[in-house]
Each structure stands twice: as structure tokens, then as C-alpha cells.
Protein backbone atom coordinates (compact mmCIF):
# COMPACT_ATOMS: atom_id res chain seq x y z
CA MET A 1 -67.74 15.80 -272.50
CA THR A 2 -66.70 18.16 -275.30
CA ASN A 3 -64.67 18.36 -278.33
CA THR A 4 -61.39 20.42 -277.77
CA THR A 5 -59.05 21.85 -280.30
CA HIS A 6 -55.59 22.16 -278.59
CA THR A 7 -54.37 24.76 -281.21
CA THR A 8 -54.81 28.07 -280.48
CA GLU A 9 -53.85 31.12 -282.90
CA PHE A 10 -53.74 34.61 -281.80
CA THR A 11 -50.44 35.47 -282.88
CA PRO A 12 -50.24 39.47 -283.17
CA ALA A 13 -50.52 40.88 -286.50
CA SER A 14 -47.09 42.84 -285.73
CA ALA A 15 -43.94 41.38 -284.67
CA ASP A 16 -44.32 43.52 -281.32
CA THR A 17 -45.51 41.66 -278.17
CA PRO A 18 -47.05 44.15 -276.05
CA TRP A 19 -48.36 42.17 -273.46
CA GLN A 20 -44.67 40.67 -272.58
CA LEU A 21 -42.71 42.26 -269.81
CA ALA A 22 -39.06 43.41 -270.68
CA ASN A 23 -38.13 42.86 -267.09
CA PRO A 24 -40.08 40.12 -265.02
CA LEU A 25 -40.65 40.71 -261.53
CA PRO A 26 -38.26 38.81 -259.15
CA THR A 27 -39.25 35.13 -257.79
CA ASP A 28 -38.89 34.53 -254.20
CA ILE A 29 -38.84 31.41 -252.19
CA ARG A 30 -38.71 30.42 -248.71
CA ALA A 31 -37.44 27.10 -247.65
CA VAL A 32 -37.88 25.72 -244.18
CA VAL A 33 -35.32 23.55 -243.10
CA ASN A 34 -35.63 21.48 -239.96
CA THR A 35 -31.99 21.05 -238.73
CA THR A 36 -30.83 22.89 -235.28
CA GLU A 37 -27.37 23.86 -236.97
CA GLN A 38 -27.51 27.14 -238.65
CA PRO A 39 -27.17 26.86 -242.35
CA THR A 40 -23.84 28.43 -243.44
CA VAL A 41 -22.59 29.85 -246.75
CA GLU A 42 -20.27 26.54 -246.89
CA SER A 43 -22.96 24.00 -245.95
CA ILE A 44 -25.68 25.57 -248.46
CA GLY A 45 -23.01 25.70 -251.61
CA ASN A 46 -21.52 22.21 -250.65
CA ALA A 47 -25.38 20.42 -250.70
CA LEU A 48 -26.17 22.18 -253.91
CA ALA A 49 -22.91 21.21 -255.94
CA THR A 50 -23.35 17.59 -254.45
CA PHE A 51 -26.82 17.57 -255.64
CA ILE A 52 -26.31 18.78 -259.27
CA GLY A 53 -22.90 17.09 -259.38
CA GLU A 54 -20.74 19.82 -260.34
CA SER A 55 -18.82 22.77 -258.89
CA ILE A 56 -20.69 26.06 -258.77
CA GLU A 57 -19.73 29.73 -258.33
CA ALA A 58 -20.74 31.05 -255.22
CA GLU A 59 -19.49 34.45 -253.49
CA GLU A 60 -20.78 35.89 -250.31
CA ILE A 61 -22.27 39.55 -250.27
CA GLU A 62 -23.25 42.29 -248.17
CA ILE A 63 -26.67 41.48 -246.47
CA GLN A 64 -29.26 43.94 -246.93
CA ASP A 65 -31.79 43.23 -244.21
CA SER A 66 -31.39 42.80 -240.46
CA ASP A 67 -33.12 39.61 -240.56
CA MET A 68 -30.41 38.21 -243.03
CA LEU A 69 -27.86 36.03 -241.28
CA PHE A 70 -25.61 35.89 -244.38
CA ALA A 71 -26.24 36.25 -248.21
CA MET A 72 -24.61 34.93 -251.20
CA ARG A 73 -24.76 34.99 -254.82
CA ILE A 74 -25.05 31.72 -257.01
CA ARG A 75 -24.49 30.68 -260.46
CA LEU A 76 -24.98 27.29 -261.37
CA VAL A 77 -24.59 25.45 -264.86
CA GLY A 78 -28.04 24.96 -266.28
CA LEU A 79 -29.93 27.94 -264.81
CA PRO A 80 -29.92 30.97 -266.93
CA THR A 81 -29.99 33.89 -264.23
CA ASP A 82 -27.94 34.09 -260.83
CA MET A 83 -29.50 33.62 -257.48
CA VAL A 84 -29.05 35.49 -254.12
CA VAL A 85 -29.33 32.99 -251.39
CA TRP A 86 -29.33 34.15 -247.70
CA ALA A 87 -30.52 32.72 -244.25
CA GLU A 88 -33.03 34.01 -241.93
CA LYS A 89 -34.51 32.48 -238.57
CA LEU A 90 -37.72 31.00 -238.25
CA ASN A 91 -40.50 33.15 -237.79
CA ASP A 92 -43.93 32.46 -236.23
CA ALA A 93 -45.66 32.12 -239.35
CA SER A 94 -43.54 29.97 -240.99
CA ARG A 95 -43.40 27.49 -238.10
CA GLU A 96 -47.46 27.44 -238.14
CA ALA A 97 -47.60 26.73 -242.18
CA SER A 98 -44.60 24.21 -242.45
CA GLY A 99 -45.27 22.50 -238.85
CA VAL A 100 -41.31 22.89 -238.02
CA GLN A 101 -40.99 24.51 -234.52
CA ASN A 102 -37.06 24.34 -234.68
CA GLY A 103 -35.30 25.32 -238.01
CA TRP A 104 -34.26 27.91 -240.38
CA ILE A 105 -35.47 29.57 -243.45
CA ILE A 106 -33.04 29.43 -246.80
CA ALA A 107 -34.30 32.37 -248.91
CA VAL A 108 -33.75 32.52 -252.58
CA GLN A 109 -34.47 35.20 -255.24
CA THR A 110 -34.08 35.32 -258.75
CA VAL A 111 -35.42 36.35 -262.06
CA LEU A 112 -37.10 33.65 -264.52
CA HIS A 113 -36.40 33.07 -268.10
CA SER A 114 -39.45 34.64 -269.54
CA GLY A 115 -38.80 32.16 -272.66
CA ASP A 116 -39.61 29.36 -270.24
CA PRO A 117 -40.36 30.29 -266.80
CA LEU A 118 -42.13 26.92 -265.87
CA THR A 119 -38.94 25.07 -266.54
CA HIS A 120 -36.72 27.34 -264.43
CA PHE A 121 -38.88 27.83 -261.80
CA SER A 122 -39.43 23.77 -261.54
CA ASN A 123 -35.30 23.34 -261.72
CA ILE A 124 -35.08 25.86 -258.71
CA MET A 125 -37.77 23.96 -256.50
CA ARG A 126 -36.14 20.50 -257.42
CA LEU A 127 -32.52 22.03 -256.55
CA PHE A 128 -33.76 22.98 -253.06
CA SER A 129 -36.28 20.32 -252.45
CA GLY A 130 -33.27 17.44 -253.58
CA ALA A 131 -30.40 18.94 -252.18
CA ASP A 132 -29.40 17.65 -248.75
CA LEU A 133 -30.71 20.84 -246.71
CA GLY A 134 -33.33 19.41 -244.69
CA VAL A 135 -36.01 21.05 -246.58
CA GLU A 136 -39.45 20.46 -245.00
CA SER A 137 -41.56 22.90 -247.01
CA ILE A 138 -41.02 25.86 -249.62
CA CYS A 139 -43.21 28.97 -249.62
CA ASP A 140 -43.70 30.55 -253.37
CA LEU A 141 -44.17 34.25 -251.91
CA ALA A 142 -45.72 35.26 -255.61
CA THR A 143 -48.80 32.82 -255.12
CA GLY A 144 -48.67 32.34 -251.37
CA ARG A 145 -48.56 28.54 -252.05
CA TRP A 146 -46.81 26.29 -249.66
CA PHE A 147 -45.45 22.93 -250.73
CA PRO A 148 -44.88 20.55 -248.24
CA ARG A 149 -42.38 17.56 -248.34
CA PRO A 150 -44.63 15.05 -249.81
CA ILE A 151 -45.65 17.75 -252.64
CA LEU A 152 -42.25 18.71 -253.10
CA ASP A 153 -41.52 14.96 -253.55
CA LYS A 154 -44.35 14.42 -256.18
CA LEU A 155 -44.28 17.54 -258.36
CA PHE A 156 -40.45 18.05 -258.22
CA ILE A 157 -38.41 14.83 -257.31
CA ASP A 158 -40.31 11.44 -258.24
CA ASP A 159 -42.42 13.10 -261.15
CA THR A 160 -41.24 11.76 -264.38
CA THR A 161 -43.03 14.90 -266.12
CA GLN A 162 -43.12 18.59 -265.56
CA PRO A 163 -45.52 20.32 -263.11
CA PRO A 164 -48.68 21.86 -264.83
CA GLU A 165 -48.39 25.69 -265.68
CA GLU A 166 -50.77 26.63 -262.99
CA ILE A 167 -48.11 26.43 -260.42
CA MET A 168 -46.74 29.45 -261.63
CA TRP A 169 -49.92 31.80 -260.61
CA ILE A 170 -52.89 32.00 -258.46
CA THR A 171 -56.26 33.21 -259.66
CA ARG A 172 -58.32 35.03 -256.95
CA VAL A 173 -61.85 36.07 -257.09
CA VAL A 174 -63.33 39.15 -255.50
CA GLU A 175 -67.31 39.45 -255.30
CA ALA A 176 -69.52 42.12 -254.49
CA PRO A 177 -71.76 43.63 -252.84
CA GLU A 178 -71.19 42.23 -249.88
CA ASP A 179 -74.48 40.25 -247.98
CA SER A 180 -76.10 40.08 -251.20
CA ASP A 181 -77.71 37.17 -252.93
CA PRO A 182 -75.58 35.49 -255.64
CA GLU A 183 -78.07 36.64 -258.34
CA ASP A 184 -77.28 40.21 -257.45
CA MET A 185 -73.37 39.86 -256.87
CA TRP A 186 -70.38 40.51 -259.51
CA ALA A 187 -66.98 39.05 -259.78
CA TRP A 188 -63.42 40.23 -260.46
CA VAL A 189 -61.02 37.67 -261.17
CA THR A 190 -57.35 38.20 -261.39
CA THR A 191 -53.83 35.91 -261.69
CA HIS A 192 -51.20 36.79 -259.74
CA GLY A 193 -47.69 35.67 -260.62
CA LEU A 194 -47.73 35.99 -264.12
CA ALA A 195 -45.63 39.21 -264.17
CA ARG A 196 -42.85 37.02 -262.43
CA CYS A 197 -42.88 34.86 -265.85
CA GLY A 198 -42.61 38.12 -268.13
CA ARG A 199 -46.43 38.35 -268.71
CA VAL A 200 -48.75 40.84 -267.73
CA GLU A 201 -51.54 39.68 -265.40
CA LEU A 202 -54.58 38.81 -266.51
CA GLU A 203 -58.15 40.18 -265.20
CA MET A 204 -62.07 39.83 -265.96
CA LEU A 205 -64.49 42.53 -264.52
CA GLY A 206 -68.01 42.82 -264.43
CA VAL A 207 -68.86 39.24 -264.21
CA PRO A 208 -72.07 37.95 -262.88
CA ALA A 209 -71.24 35.70 -259.90
CA ILE A 210 -73.14 32.79 -261.19
CA LEU A 211 -70.72 32.77 -264.00
CA THR A 212 -67.75 32.97 -261.55
CA SER A 213 -66.26 29.50 -262.19
CA GLU A 214 -66.45 29.76 -265.90
CA ALA A 215 -64.67 33.05 -265.81
CA ALA A 216 -62.23 31.66 -263.50
CA HIS A 217 -61.59 28.55 -266.03
CA VAL A 218 -61.00 31.34 -269.08
CA VAL A 219 -58.80 33.33 -267.20
CA ASP A 220 -56.48 30.15 -266.02
CA GLY A 221 -56.49 28.56 -269.68
CA LEU A 222 -55.44 31.77 -271.16
CA ALA A 223 -52.66 32.28 -268.74
CA ALA A 224 -51.42 28.90 -269.44
CA LEU A 225 -51.87 29.80 -273.04
CA THR A 226 -49.49 32.63 -272.92
CA PHE A 227 -46.54 30.40 -272.20
CA GLU A 228 -46.73 29.31 -275.86
CA SER A 229 -48.19 32.13 -277.62
CA PRO A 230 -48.02 36.00 -277.36
CA LEU A 231 -51.50 37.85 -276.45
CA PRO A 232 -52.75 39.75 -279.59
CA PRO A 233 -53.02 43.49 -279.73
CA ILE A 234 -56.15 45.15 -277.90
CA GLY A 235 -59.31 44.58 -279.75
CA GLN A 236 -58.14 41.59 -281.93
CA ALA A 237 -60.51 38.83 -281.31
CA MET A 238 -59.03 35.24 -280.46
CA SER A 239 -60.43 31.82 -280.01
CA LEU A 240 -59.82 29.80 -276.94
CA GLY A 241 -61.78 26.94 -278.03
CA PRO A 242 -65.23 26.11 -280.16
CA ASP A 243 -67.50 29.14 -279.17
CA ILE A 244 -65.09 30.75 -276.78
CA LEU A 245 -64.00 34.19 -278.32
CA VAL A 246 -62.66 36.96 -276.52
CA SER A 247 -61.00 39.90 -276.83
CA LEU A 248 -58.38 41.91 -274.94
CA LEU A 249 -59.14 45.67 -273.23
CA LYS A 250 -56.78 48.18 -271.23
CA CYS A 251 -57.77 47.79 -267.93
CA ASP A 252 -58.42 51.55 -267.17
CA THR A 253 -60.97 51.18 -270.36
CA ALA A 254 -62.49 48.29 -268.68
CA VAL A 255 -62.86 49.81 -265.24
CA GLY A 256 -64.72 52.77 -266.98
CA MET A 257 -67.30 50.19 -268.21
CA LEU A 258 -68.00 48.96 -264.62
CA LYS A 259 -71.13 49.85 -262.48
CA LYS A 260 -70.37 51.52 -259.14
CA GLU A 261 -71.41 48.36 -257.22
CA MET A 262 -68.89 46.23 -259.18
CA PRO A 263 -65.35 45.25 -257.63
CA GLY A 264 -62.24 46.06 -259.63
CA PHE A 265 -61.89 49.93 -259.23
CA GLU A 266 -58.63 49.42 -256.99
CA SER A 267 -55.26 51.13 -258.22
CA ARG A 268 -53.01 48.68 -260.23
CA THR A 269 -49.23 48.74 -259.69
CA ILE A 270 -48.56 45.52 -261.75
CA PRO A 271 -49.29 45.66 -265.57
CA SER A 272 -52.35 43.76 -266.66
CA VAL A 273 -54.94 43.39 -269.55
CA ALA A 274 -58.82 42.93 -269.20
CA ILE A 275 -60.64 39.99 -271.06
CA ALA A 276 -63.61 41.21 -272.80
CA SER A 277 -65.98 40.43 -275.36
CA PRO A 278 -65.00 39.62 -278.84
CA ASP A 279 -66.09 42.74 -280.08
CA GLY A 280 -64.52 44.86 -276.99
CA THR A 281 -68.39 46.24 -276.41
CA SER A 282 -68.75 44.27 -273.33
CA VAL A 283 -66.55 44.20 -270.16
CA PHE A 284 -66.73 40.53 -270.00
CA PRO A 285 -67.45 37.59 -272.79
CA LEU A 286 -70.99 36.75 -271.95
CA GLU A 287 -71.46 34.31 -274.84
CA ALA A 288 -68.26 32.42 -274.11
CA LEU A 289 -68.75 32.01 -270.56
CA GLU A 290 -72.33 30.75 -270.94
CA ALA A 291 -71.43 28.28 -273.75
CA LEU A 292 -68.95 26.86 -270.71
CA ARG A 293 -71.64 26.91 -268.39
CA CYS A 294 -73.79 24.58 -270.78
CA GLY A 295 -71.17 22.20 -271.12
CA ASP A 296 -71.01 22.55 -275.22
CA THR A 297 -67.28 23.36 -275.18
CA ALA A 298 -63.89 23.84 -273.31
CA VAL A 299 -61.05 26.07 -273.18
CA ALA A 300 -58.12 24.92 -275.50
CA LYS A 301 -55.04 23.21 -273.66
CA THR A 302 -51.11 24.06 -274.25
CA ALA A 303 -49.39 21.51 -275.89
CA ARG A 304 -47.51 21.08 -272.69
CA TYR A 305 -50.29 20.30 -270.85
CA THR A 306 -51.55 17.77 -273.50
CA LYS A 307 -48.24 15.94 -273.24
CA ARG A 308 -48.22 15.79 -269.39
CA GLN A 309 -51.63 14.77 -269.38
CA ALA A 310 -50.98 11.75 -272.07
CA VAL A 311 -47.93 10.47 -270.09
CA LEU A 312 -50.17 10.37 -266.82
CA ALA A 313 -52.93 8.79 -268.67
CA LYS A 314 -50.95 5.96 -270.33
CA SER A 315 -49.09 5.27 -267.03
CA GLU A 316 -52.59 4.64 -265.16
CA TRP A 317 -54.02 2.70 -268.18
CA LYS A 318 -54.82 -0.30 -265.94
CA MET A 319 -56.35 1.53 -263.70
CA LEU A 320 -59.03 2.85 -266.05
CA LEU A 321 -59.53 -0.70 -267.61
CA ASP A 322 -60.40 -2.04 -264.06
CA ALA A 323 -62.76 0.75 -263.72
CA ALA A 324 -64.48 0.61 -267.03
CA ALA A 325 -64.90 -3.32 -266.56
CA GLN A 326 -66.25 -2.50 -263.26
CA ILE A 327 -68.68 0.34 -264.39
CA GLY A 328 -69.72 -1.39 -267.36
CA GLU A 329 -73.01 0.12 -268.64
CA SER A 330 -74.12 2.00 -265.40
CA GLU A 331 -76.15 5.14 -265.68
CA HIS A 332 -74.36 6.50 -262.80
CA ALA A 333 -70.93 6.54 -263.81
CA ALA A 334 -68.90 6.46 -267.01
CA CYS A 335 -65.39 6.12 -268.58
CA MET A 336 -64.38 8.11 -271.11
CA VAL A 337 -60.91 8.55 -273.50
CA GLN A 338 -59.82 11.30 -275.11
CA VAL A 339 -58.24 10.94 -278.82
CA PRO A 340 -56.47 13.13 -281.12
CA TRP A 341 -58.30 13.22 -284.24
CA THR A 342 -57.69 14.51 -288.06
CA ASN A 343 -59.83 13.95 -291.05
CA THR A 344 -57.13 13.45 -293.47
CA GLU A 345 -53.04 13.01 -293.49
CA GLU A 346 -52.61 16.32 -294.67
CA LYS A 347 -49.81 18.54 -292.68
CA ASP A 348 -52.48 21.79 -292.36
CA SER A 349 -55.54 19.58 -291.73
CA PRO A 350 -57.59 20.70 -288.80
CA SER A 351 -57.28 18.53 -285.82
CA GLU A 352 -59.22 18.14 -282.52
CA TYR A 353 -59.40 15.73 -279.67
CA LEU A 354 -62.55 13.70 -279.44
CA TRP A 355 -64.09 12.06 -276.52
CA PHE A 356 -65.26 8.40 -276.85
CA ARG A 357 -67.34 6.81 -273.97
CA ILE A 358 -65.84 3.21 -273.36
CA THR A 359 -68.65 0.95 -274.19
CA LYS A 360 -66.44 -2.55 -273.81
CA VAL A 361 -63.11 -4.01 -272.38
CA GLU A 362 -60.98 -6.04 -274.46
CA THR A 363 -57.92 -6.23 -272.37
CA PRO A 364 -55.33 -4.49 -272.97
CA ASN A 365 -57.86 -2.61 -275.41
CA ILE A 366 -60.98 -0.97 -275.34
CA VAL A 367 -64.11 -0.27 -277.53
CA GLY A 368 -65.50 3.41 -277.73
CA ALA A 369 -68.47 4.98 -278.73
CA LEU A 370 -68.20 8.59 -279.96
CA ALA A 371 -69.64 10.87 -277.11
CA HIS A 372 -70.18 14.20 -278.97
CA GLU A 373 -70.63 16.01 -282.30
CA PRO A 374 -67.41 16.73 -283.59
CA LYS A 375 -66.40 20.07 -284.93
CA PHE A 376 -64.09 19.16 -287.70
CA ALA A 377 -64.24 15.35 -288.38
CA THR A 378 -67.91 15.91 -289.33
CA SER A 379 -67.68 12.41 -291.52
CA LEU A 380 -67.90 10.43 -288.13
CA PRO A 381 -71.61 9.38 -287.45
CA GLU A 382 -73.07 9.93 -284.18
CA GLY A 383 -72.23 6.96 -281.60
CA HIS A 384 -69.40 5.88 -284.19
CA GLU A 385 -67.11 3.09 -282.53
CA GLU A 386 -63.64 2.81 -282.60
CA ASN A 387 -61.11 -0.09 -281.20
CA LEU A 388 -58.76 1.61 -279.14
CA SER A 389 -55.38 1.16 -277.37
CA VAL A 390 -53.04 2.88 -274.83
CA ASP A 391 -50.95 4.23 -277.66
CA ASP A 392 -54.28 5.98 -279.08
CA ILE A 393 -55.24 8.06 -276.31
CA THR A 394 -54.02 11.39 -274.69
CA ASP A 395 -56.30 11.51 -271.65
CA TRP A 396 -59.11 9.70 -269.76
CA VAL A 397 -61.55 10.13 -267.31
CA VAL A 398 -63.89 8.59 -265.01
CA MET A 399 -67.35 10.28 -264.68
CA THR A 400 -68.66 10.02 -261.25
CA PRO A 401 -71.63 11.46 -259.47
CA VAL A 402 -69.40 13.75 -257.33
CA GLY A 403 -67.51 14.85 -260.37
CA PRO A 404 -64.97 13.73 -263.00
CA MET A 405 -61.61 11.94 -261.99
CA GLY A 406 -58.66 11.45 -263.88
CA PRO A 407 -55.11 9.75 -264.07
CA SER A 408 -53.91 11.92 -261.52
CA ASP A 409 -56.86 10.64 -259.05
CA SER A 410 -55.94 7.28 -258.40
CA GLU A 411 -56.66 7.29 -254.51
CA ALA A 412 -60.30 8.90 -255.37
CA ILE A 413 -61.09 6.44 -258.05
CA THR A 414 -60.20 3.36 -255.84
CA GLU A 415 -62.26 4.69 -253.07
CA PHE A 416 -65.20 5.40 -255.72
CA LEU A 417 -64.92 1.66 -257.06
CA SER A 418 -65.01 0.52 -253.42
CA GLN A 419 -68.20 1.82 -253.02
CA PHE A 420 -69.85 1.60 -256.65
CA THR A 421 -72.46 -1.10 -257.08
CA ASN A 422 -73.84 -1.43 -260.88
């Protein structure tokens, strides 16, 4: 594990925010309802009003497409923009994706609040999955993701924390030339979905294919950070974590730096910006990706992610204690906890998140040994031990031969421990 700062400062020098969109793209979802009765303006309106416990403003409007059975405009207290809602017949693609053979589609279109698109989107998904409409599955058209009923319940109904920012976009990878060895291929990494959040899409071009996963990690990390901080102007270096320095390039400039065999020459219809080296001379940030590949650093997380992960980690503390007690001092697995750390109590003192390897379980607490060299807390010696409780931690992980498992991987951890012998 590595030390990870969770504060990122790359606010533009001017008050302008050139990479935020004045008019976010619309957000569309398609909810598959499992009912033989055709939804109506009244049935949808009544179900939504009952779910929120308040009357709603709704008016039927002229349909714009022959596939629409009806259309209505809805305004709800607590949602910052109106929604257009309509019903369609169930099509073959939706039948295959949802498993529902006889039902209907309730379609929703709105524009998300760019100040907090994740909360707005989550509330819409919670509304239509929680109301008594018979919803079995919802497709988010911007990303192409389908959320079946169990996932809707887990993410939007039962969970006491907000979903992760990553549900707002999808990251795609194109590699070329085809039929080449990995070491001879190049990757083009792009987000799809940020434009409906009021942000430009992010790209990374000319990436050696062997660094594709690290490139996607940087793109995803920066995408999440744009929800809390504006992107800087072209050419201004920014830090996404220790030894992760990047800058931005206009996409046409970045494309002009590509070799002909590299992917990414396609025309762009949605605003986007490319992530490049900190000095802008290289089309991709080689040193940052290599640092990630070596495991020497990690991309900073948003405050929202940190808060959410801390809630999950604390709620599954007993599972970690059980795992740590069973694993002990094994060479094949380890249990780690993340702890926020500052050198002093001064307000502006730099902070970081340190990882400690659990060396002893003293239920309900643990003893942990510092697992890496801190960036700021340099006074801590190698292997420094701390007595830690559930209130001290913000995350934990079980390191296994098949990869790390965290608080949200309870089933996988249980399965691993059932087969683990020290």
C-alpha cells in the first residue's frame, strides 16, 4: 500500500472555469416496469407523489415521437430541474437486458444540477426505483449501464451512503493497431458521461498499451476530483497525488502529437480535454503512470469518497477483526488499515493517509505497524506501531493472492477465509 494525500489543489489562477459547461447535456434513463397494465399519467404521478409524501406538479405535454404513448412534465420539491417523463412499449433490447418479457418502459429526461450532479442523479434513481411502479431494471443511457433490481436496492434504496462518483461516467479504452503484440499497441482512454454533469470529458492519448490500466486509473481519479475542484487552464501543472504530476492539452493539440498508428483521430462532438505530461511536451504523463505501475503512489480521492469509504469501513469492522485474527502473520495475506495523519494540530498542516499493517488483534482494537514511508509525517520511524480503534480509521483492506478486498467485498472475503490456512 502507499501513502495517499486526499487534498488536491489545482484551482485555476483566474475566476474562469473553462472546462465546465454552461449547458450540461441531458440525462436520460429508461426504467423497465414489470406489469401488464399500461402506465398512465395518473398512475405514475400518484406513485411518485406517494413515495415522496408530497403532492407534485405534473402536466401532460405533446408527444414528440411516435414511440411515446404519452408524455408529461413533472416538478418535484427537492429536485432542482423539471423532468419529462413518458411511456414506451417494451422493446427486444430491453427484454434481453432486463429479463422482463411483458412490461413497459418509463422514460425520464432531465438536466442535472452541475453543482452536485451525483446527488441529483441519485435522487432520481431512488425516486423511480423506490416508487410503487414495478421497476425491475433501469438503464442509464449516458453510460449504457443497466441497474437490475438488486443493484438498485443496494445503491439507492438500502445504502445509507451515496453511491460512488464513478456511476456518473464510464471509461472506455480503444487500442491499436489491431492484431499486434501488447508492447506494440497504443491506447486511447476516454470518459463518457461527464458532459451531462457540466464537465468536459477527459481523454488520455498515445498511451503504451502496457500502461493502459494506470492511464484509466488517472482518468477516473481526475474525473471524480472535478466534482469537487475545477480543472486548471491549459499548461498549468497539477498534482493528483505524490509523484503524479499532469497538465491539460486541447484535444486537437494532443491529436496533432500522435503517430499515425495510434488511435484517437476521430472527430469529437462533445467537449473534451486531454491529460498530458506536466510540462505539456508529451501527449501522456509517462512518469506518473510508471510511478503508479510500480506501486509507489496512488491517485488522490475525493472528500466524498473518503467519507463514504470510512462509513463502510467502520460498519464492517468486525469482519476485519475476524480476518486479521485468522490471517495473523501470514506471508500470503495481510490486513491493512488506513489512518488520517497530521504532524501537528495546526490548521494548515499538511495531512496524509497512512497505511498500517495489523500485527495484533486486541478486540475491539488492533495494533498496526506503519507499512510505508510517509510523505509528510517524516518523524515516524519505519515500522512505527500504533494502537488503533474503529474510530481512528477511514478504510481497510485485506491483501490476498487474488487481489485486495475492501469493506464492500464481504462475500469475497468470507469465501477467501473459508479456504485460507496459515
